Amino acid sequence: MKKFFLFAMSIKISKCGNLCAICPLYKENLLTEEDRKFTAEGCGKYINWNPKPDKLKQCWGCQSKEGFIYIPNCPNRQCAMYNSVENCAYCSEFPCKDSPKLSREMVEKRLGKKIPEDDYKSFVKPWESTLHLKKIREKLSDNQIVQMKPYSIDLKIVEFPAETSLPKEKKVVYHAIHNLVKTIEPLKDLSHARANLRKEYRKYFIKLLWAFGLYGDLEEDKDRASLSLGFNEYFLEMKKGVRYYSNWTHLKERMFPILEKKGVKVELIPDNKIEDILTPTKSLKKSGGWILRMSFSKKMKGKEGLKSLQRYISLLTENKGKAAYRHFNKADMRILTEM
């Protein structure tokens, strides 16, 4: 078992607290074919990431101008740079919601067994970021702590049209959809990292609504109405510049609960067992065997909300062509004034 050794720590810690010097992806540790096989195997076993050995690239560390090459737009790095801090330990909000959570305890709980010490040093310790930063924070004086600068992202949402020829009851339904698109992930006065993470989440949510409205089949019974979306149509839309779209654990634990709080329930319906439609890394299989089902709560006007979503997207695609999604992303409902 290969071991990585700590050296020159003054320049070998990332913005978010990774110990670059002992990271198996660091440029000075990823040199040979043996290194690549060792790293690929350990990453798959301990951090649920399964890279092919020949696809691994040397990382120069996020304190370099190149940054962390595996996440070119890492939100934690961008946040630290925005706040002009050497690393997150110097920020007034540390530890925040976006501080990395990996720990030996978490990995051992997931695996259901103890990690050998050599494996821990190679594949867990380098990324126990918050633990490393806490040790730095303990040594800082109050005047070394930098106050976090709030950050906002302007979505350029188009306000709901004041005048339409729609009946009052229809107008109320469309207004609920407009408000959903507008507020599904607020992006005002947050940390830089949180704002950009929410921006990525919002991309997923808006794309998902778009896919359901564009391709969904309306199903009705006495108790409920829903839209069903097949796996082919899901991947057709969601793979276009959207992160997190296939990792089922992430979707189930982080994404869908956010939607449900907004009155949008999304369920995964497998043909048989859930295990049959997931890859070893818990991603949804592109070969199918499943559908997604979406329903709206009373807050979102239930069946009428689903029908109006479909109608709105249909109007946009008929009248705006390739620009249709851009109008949807801005909640632009001025097309309703033409009805």
Protein backbone atom coordinates (compact mmCIF):
# COMPACT_ATOMS: atom_id res chain seq x y z
CA MET A 1 0.00 0.00 0.00
CA LYS A 2 1.44 3.31 -1.11
CA LYS A 3 1.61 6.19 1.39
CA PHE A 4 1.58 9.94 0.88
CA PHE A 5 3.67 12.15 3.13
CA LEU A 6 3.06 15.69 4.30
CA PHE A 7 5.56 18.36 3.30
CA ALA A 8 5.79 22.15 2.86
CA MET A 9 2.40 22.70 4.50
CA SER A 10 2.57 26.49 4.22
CA ILE A 11 1.59 26.27 0.54
CA LYS A 12 -0.10 22.89 0.42
CA ILE A 13 -3.60 23.53 1.78
CA SER A 14 -6.52 24.38 -0.48
CA LYS A 15 -9.02 27.20 -0.05
CA CYS A 16 -11.55 24.81 1.47
CA GLY A 17 -9.01 22.95 3.60
CA ASN A 18 -7.85 19.95 1.57
CA LEU A 19 -4.28 18.86 2.33
CA CYS A 20 -2.86 18.97 -1.19
CA ALA A 21 0.50 17.50 -0.22
CA ILE A 22 -1.03 14.16 0.79
CA CYS A 23 -3.82 14.18 -1.81
CA PRO A 24 -3.43 11.28 -4.27
CA LEU A 25 -4.45 13.61 -7.11
CA TYR A 26 -1.74 16.18 -6.38
CA LYS A 27 0.88 16.62 -9.13
CA GLU A 28 3.74 15.24 -7.04
CA ASN A 29 1.80 12.12 -6.05
CA LEU A 30 0.27 11.12 -9.41
CA LEU A 31 3.32 10.17 -11.45
CA THR A 32 3.18 6.55 -12.57
CA GLU A 33 0.70 4.00 -13.89
CA GLU A 34 0.82 2.37 -10.46
CA ASP A 35 -0.14 5.70 -8.85
CA ARG A 36 -3.12 6.02 -11.16
CA LYS A 37 -4.41 2.51 -10.49
CA PHE A 38 -3.92 2.98 -6.76
CA THR A 39 -5.76 6.30 -6.80
CA ALA A 40 -8.65 5.14 -8.97
CA GLU A 41 -9.21 2.07 -6.80
CA GLY A 42 -9.09 4.01 -3.53
CA CYS A 43 -11.36 6.81 -4.76
CA GLY A 44 -13.96 4.27 -5.85
CA LYS A 45 -13.82 2.45 -2.54
CA TYR A 46 -13.78 5.36 -0.11
CA ILE A 47 -15.26 8.48 -1.73
CA ASN A 48 -17.74 6.88 -4.16
CA TRP A 49 -16.01 8.27 -7.25
CA ASN A 50 -14.87 5.82 -9.92
CA PRO A 51 -12.46 7.48 -12.35
CA LYS A 52 -10.63 5.44 -14.97
CA PRO A 53 -6.88 5.37 -14.17
CA ASP A 54 -5.87 6.69 -17.59
CA LYS A 55 -8.27 9.63 -17.26
CA LEU A 56 -6.75 10.96 -14.02
CA LYS A 57 -4.86 14.23 -14.36
CA GLN A 58 -2.34 15.86 -12.06
CA CYS A 59 -3.81 18.64 -9.94
CA TRP A 60 -1.70 21.69 -9.04
CA GLY A 61 -3.89 22.62 -6.08
CA CYS A 62 -6.48 25.34 -5.88
CA GLN A 63 -4.01 27.89 -4.50
CA SER A 64 -2.36 27.81 -7.93
CA LYS A 65 -3.67 29.79 -10.88
CA GLU A 66 -4.85 26.55 -12.48
CA GLY A 67 -7.15 25.76 -9.56
CA PHE A 68 -8.67 22.38 -8.74
CA ILE A 69 -8.90 20.86 -12.21
CA TYR A 70 -11.60 18.35 -11.26
CA ILE A 71 -14.02 21.18 -10.32
CA PRO A 72 -12.89 24.13 -12.47
CA ASN A 73 -15.54 26.46 -11.00
CA CYS A 74 -15.35 25.19 -7.43
CA PRO A 75 -17.79 27.39 -5.43
CA ASN A 76 -15.67 27.22 -2.26
CA ARG A 77 -12.57 28.46 -4.10
CA GLN A 78 -14.52 31.24 -5.79
CA CYS A 79 -16.02 32.26 -2.46
CA ALA A 80 -12.62 32.46 -0.75
CA MET A 81 -11.23 34.49 -3.63
CA TYR A 82 -14.27 36.82 -3.60
CA ASN A 83 -13.67 37.46 0.10
CA SER A 84 -9.89 37.78 -0.37
CA VAL A 85 -9.00 35.14 2.23
CA GLU A 86 -6.18 32.61 2.08
CA ASN A 87 -8.63 29.86 2.97
CA CYS A 88 -12.05 29.48 4.55
CA ALA A 89 -10.69 29.44 8.11
CA TYR A 90 -10.21 33.21 7.83
CA CYS A 91 -13.88 33.88 6.97
CA SER A 92 -16.33 35.17 9.61
CA GLU A 93 -18.93 32.60 8.52
CA PHE A 94 -16.69 29.54 8.94
CA PRO A 95 -17.84 26.82 9.29
CA CYS A 96 -20.77 27.48 6.93
CA LYS A 97 -23.35 25.29 5.19
CA ASP A 98 -20.94 24.78 2.33
CA SER A 99 -17.91 23.71 4.35
CA PRO A 100 -16.91 20.19 3.15
CA LYS A 101 -18.38 17.50 5.39
CA LEU A 102 -16.20 14.44 4.71
CA SER A 103 -14.85 12.67 7.80
CA ARG A 104 -13.50 9.28 8.79
CA GLU A 105 -16.69 8.64 10.78
CA MET A 106 -18.91 9.32 7.77
CA VAL A 107 -16.97 7.00 5.48
CA GLU A 108 -16.83 4.19 8.05
CA LYS A 109 -20.56 4.53 8.69
CA ARG A 110 -21.29 4.25 4.96
CA LEU A 111 -18.98 1.23 4.57
CA GLY A 112 -20.10 -0.39 7.81
CA LYS A 113 -16.54 -1.13 8.88
CA LYS A 114 -13.28 0.46 10.03
CA ILE A 115 -10.90 1.93 7.46
CA PRO A 116 -7.30 0.60 7.49
CA GLU A 117 -4.96 3.34 8.71
CA ASP A 118 -2.96 3.52 5.47
CA ASP A 119 -6.16 3.87 3.42
CA TYR A 120 -7.45 6.55 5.79
CA LYS A 121 -4.27 8.60 5.34
CA SER A 122 -4.44 8.27 1.56
CA PHE A 123 -8.15 8.64 0.80
CA VAL A 124 -9.92 10.32 3.70
CA LYS A 125 -7.48 12.47 5.64
CA PRO A 126 -6.56 14.67 2.64
CA TRP A 127 -10.23 15.71 2.30
CA GLU A 128 -11.22 16.11 5.97
CA SER A 129 -11.22 19.79 5.11
CA THR A 130 -13.28 21.28 7.91
CA LEU A 131 -11.16 19.49 10.51
CA HIS A 132 -7.99 20.96 8.99
CA LEU A 133 -9.48 24.46 8.85
CA LYS A 134 -10.65 24.32 12.46
CA LYS A 135 -7.06 23.75 13.54
CA ILE A 136 -6.02 26.85 11.59
CA ARG A 137 -8.94 28.87 12.98
CA GLU A 138 -7.94 28.09 16.56
CA LYS A 139 -4.63 29.90 16.02
CA LEU A 140 -6.09 33.05 14.45
CA SER A 141 -6.67 36.30 16.32
CA ASP A 142 -9.92 38.27 15.97
CA ASN A 143 -8.33 40.87 13.71
CA GLN A 144 -7.30 38.15 11.24
CA ILE A 145 -10.93 37.15 10.65
CA VAL A 146 -12.45 38.72 7.53
CA GLN A 147 -16.14 39.68 7.46
CA MET A 148 -17.94 37.80 4.71
CA LYS A 149 -19.20 39.96 1.84
CA PRO A 150 -22.82 39.16 0.89
CA TYR A 151 -23.26 38.15 -2.74
CA SER A 152 -26.33 38.26 -4.99
CA ILE A 153 -27.11 36.96 -8.48
CA ASP A 154 -29.58 38.89 -10.64
CA LEU A 155 -31.79 36.50 -12.59
CA LYS A 156 -33.47 39.29 -14.60
CA ILE A 157 -36.92 37.86 -13.92
CA VAL A 158 -39.71 39.43 -16.01
CA GLU A 159 -42.55 40.55 -13.76
CA PHE A 160 -45.98 38.98 -14.21
CA PRO A 161 -47.99 40.98 -16.77
CA ALA A 162 -50.41 43.39 -15.13
CA GLU A 163 -52.96 43.12 -17.94
CA THR A 164 -54.09 39.88 -19.57
CA SER A 165 -57.36 38.70 -21.10
CA LEU A 166 -57.29 35.59 -18.92
CA PRO A 167 -60.21 34.83 -16.57
CA LYS A 168 -59.36 35.55 -12.93
CA GLU A 169 -59.11 31.86 -11.98
CA LYS A 170 -56.67 31.16 -14.83
CA LYS A 171 -54.59 34.21 -13.98
CA VAL A 172 -54.21 32.94 -10.40
CA VAL A 173 -52.87 29.60 -11.67
CA TYR A 174 -50.32 31.16 -14.03
CA HIS A 175 -49.26 33.56 -11.29
CA ALA A 176 -48.46 30.57 -9.05
CA ILE A 177 -46.21 29.13 -11.78
CA HIS A 178 -44.55 32.51 -12.28
CA ASN A 179 -43.85 32.79 -8.57
CA LEU A 180 -42.39 29.26 -8.50
CA VAL A 181 -39.92 30.01 -11.30
CA LYS A 182 -39.07 33.35 -9.68
CA THR A 183 -38.47 32.11 -6.13
CA ILE A 184 -37.56 28.43 -6.46
CA GLU A 185 -34.03 29.23 -5.21
CA PRO A 186 -33.55 32.79 -3.83
CA LEU A 187 -30.14 34.18 -4.79
CA LYS A 188 -29.94 37.38 -2.74
CA ASP A 189 -27.52 38.30 0.08
CA LEU A 190 -25.79 34.94 0.45
CA SER A 191 -22.23 33.77 0.67
CA HIS A 192 -20.61 33.57 -2.76
CA ALA A 193 -20.44 29.77 -2.48
CA ARG A 194 -24.07 29.40 -1.40
CA ALA A 195 -25.33 31.74 -4.15
CA ASN A 196 -23.51 29.82 -6.87
CA LEU A 197 -24.56 26.45 -5.48
CA ARG A 198 -28.18 27.62 -5.43
CA LYS A 199 -27.74 28.88 -8.97
CA GLU A 200 -26.73 25.35 -10.02
CA TYR A 201 -29.68 23.89 -8.13
CA ARG A 202 -32.00 26.37 -9.80
CA LYS A 203 -30.72 25.31 -13.23
CA TYR A 204 -31.74 21.76 -12.40
CA PHE A 205 -35.18 22.75 -11.06
CA ILE A 206 -36.05 24.97 -14.01
CA LYS A 207 -34.83 22.37 -16.52
CA LEU A 208 -36.88 19.72 -14.73
CA LEU A 209 -40.07 21.83 -14.86
CA TRP A 210 -39.35 22.52 -18.51
CA ALA A 211 -38.87 18.81 -19.31
CA PHE A 212 -42.10 17.85 -17.53
CA GLY A 213 -44.04 20.64 -19.23
CA LEU A 214 -42.59 19.82 -22.64
CA TYR A 215 -42.73 16.02 -22.60
CA GLY A 216 -44.80 14.98 -19.59
CA ASP A 217 -47.93 12.82 -19.98
CA LEU A 218 -50.84 14.01 -17.86
CA GLU A 219 -52.40 11.26 -15.74
CA GLU A 220 -55.54 11.79 -13.70
CA ASP A 221 -57.56 9.82 -11.19
CA LYS A 222 -59.99 10.71 -8.41
CA ASP A 223 -57.37 11.64 -5.84
CA ARG A 224 -54.60 13.26 -7.86
CA ALA A 225 -53.16 14.37 -11.15
CA SER A 226 -49.56 14.05 -12.24
CA LEU A 227 -47.17 14.36 -15.15
CA SER A 228 -45.03 11.34 -16.07
CA LEU A 229 -41.63 11.83 -17.68
CA GLY A 230 -39.75 8.99 -19.36
CA PHE A 231 -36.03 8.42 -18.91
CA ASN A 232 -35.21 9.23 -22.56
CA GLU A 233 -36.85 12.65 -22.37
CA TYR A 234 -35.33 13.28 -18.95
CA PHE A 235 -31.77 12.69 -20.13
CA LEU A 236 -32.42 14.56 -23.39
CA GLU A 237 -33.04 17.79 -21.47
CA MET A 238 -31.16 17.38 -18.20
CA LYS A 239 -27.76 16.61 -19.70
CA LYS A 240 -27.66 20.09 -21.28
CA GLY A 241 -25.40 22.00 -18.92
CA VAL A 242 -27.04 20.81 -15.69
CA ARG A 243 -25.17 19.24 -12.77
CA TYR A 244 -26.48 16.66 -10.30
CA TYR A 245 -29.06 15.30 -12.75
CA SER A 246 -28.22 11.61 -12.47
CA ASN A 247 -26.92 11.01 -8.91
CA TRP A 248 -29.95 9.49 -7.21
CA THR A 249 -28.68 10.00 -3.65
CA HIS A 250 -28.16 13.71 -4.34
CA LEU A 251 -31.56 14.06 -6.01
CA LYS A 252 -33.42 12.20 -3.28
CA GLU A 253 -31.73 13.80 -0.27
CA ARG A 254 -31.10 17.36 -1.50
CA MET A 255 -32.96 18.32 -4.65
CA PHE A 256 -36.43 16.82 -4.42
CA PRO A 257 -37.01 17.91 -0.77
CA ILE A 258 -36.38 21.54 -1.82
CA LEU A 259 -39.00 21.18 -4.55
CA GLU A 260 -41.51 19.60 -2.18
CA LYS A 261 -41.32 22.62 0.12
CA LYS A 262 -42.37 24.68 -2.90
CA GLY A 263 -45.40 22.47 -3.55
CA VAL A 264 -43.82 20.31 -6.26
CA LYS A 265 -43.52 16.59 -5.53
CA VAL A 266 -41.25 14.48 -7.73
CA GLU A 267 -41.11 10.69 -7.36
CA LEU A 268 -38.93 8.08 -8.99
CA ILE A 269 -41.00 5.11 -10.17
CA PRO A 270 -38.92 2.01 -11.08
CA ASP A 271 -40.34 -0.78 -13.22
CA ASN A 272 -39.16 -3.27 -10.60
CA LYS A 273 -36.57 -2.79 -7.83
CA ILE A 274 -34.79 0.50 -7.26
CA GLU A 275 -31.46 -1.37 -7.24
CA ASP A 276 -32.05 -2.46 -10.85
CA ILE A 277 -32.05 1.10 -12.19
CA LEU A 278 -28.96 2.42 -10.38
CA THR A 279 -25.30 2.17 -11.35
CA PRO A 280 -22.68 1.15 -8.75
CA THR A 281 -22.17 4.88 -8.04
CA LYS A 282 -25.94 5.30 -7.38
CA SER A 283 -26.63 7.17 -10.60
CA LEU A 284 -29.80 6.65 -12.63
CA LYS A 285 -29.21 4.25 -15.50
CA LYS A 286 -29.57 5.75 -18.95
CA SER A 287 -30.84 2.38 -20.14
CA GLY A 288 -34.07 3.10 -18.33
CA GLY A 289 -36.47 0.94 -16.39
CA TRP A 290 -37.97 3.99 -14.64
CA ILE A 291 -40.03 7.15 -14.97
CA LEU A 292 -40.34 10.32 -12.91
CA ARG A 293 -43.73 11.50 -11.72
CA MET A 294 -44.48 15.11 -10.75
CA SER A 295 -47.54 16.44 -8.94
CA PHE A 296 -48.51 19.91 -7.70
CA SER A 297 -49.92 20.69 -4.26
CA LYS A 298 -52.98 22.90 -3.66
CA LYS A 299 -50.56 25.80 -3.27
CA MET A 300 -49.48 25.15 -6.86
CA LYS A 301 -53.12 24.65 -7.96
CA GLY A 302 -52.89 20.89 -8.46
CA LYS A 303 -54.17 19.58 -11.80
CA GLU A 304 -54.86 23.05 -13.19
CA GLY A 305 -51.30 24.07 -12.33
CA LEU A 306 -49.90 21.10 -14.28
CA LYS A 307 -52.10 21.82 -17.29
CA SER A 308 -51.17 25.50 -17.23
CA LEU A 309 -47.46 24.64 -17.06
CA GLN A 310 -47.86 22.51 -20.18
CA ARG A 311 -49.90 25.20 -21.93
CA TYR A 312 -47.41 27.95 -21.08
CA ILE A 313 -44.44 25.95 -22.37
CA SER A 314 -46.38 24.97 -25.48
CA LEU A 315 -47.07 28.66 -26.22
CA LEU A 316 -43.42 29.53 -25.73
CA THR A 317 -42.14 26.78 -28.03
CA GLU A 318 -44.72 27.64 -30.73
CA ASN A 319 -44.01 31.37 -30.66
CA LYS A 320 -40.40 31.79 -29.47
CA GLY A 321 -38.67 28.87 -31.15
CA LYS A 322 -35.10 28.33 -29.95
CA ALA A 323 -35.47 31.23 -27.50
CA ALA A 324 -38.39 29.54 -25.70
CA TYR A 325 -36.37 28.14 -22.80
CA ARG A 326 -34.64 31.47 -22.22
CA HIS A 327 -38.05 33.12 -21.78
CA PHE A 328 -39.16 30.33 -19.44
CA ASN A 329 -36.01 30.71 -17.33
CA LYS A 330 -36.90 34.39 -16.80
CA ALA A 331 -40.55 33.55 -16.01
CA ASP A 332 -41.49 35.72 -18.98
CA MET A 333 -45.28 35.39 -19.26
CA ARG A 334 -45.90 38.35 -21.52
CA ILE A 335 -47.02 35.81 -24.12
CA LEU A 336 -50.21 35.44 -22.07
CA THR A 337 -51.22 38.94 -23.08
CA GLU A 338 -51.46 37.70 -26.65
CA MET A 339 -54.00 34.98 -25.83
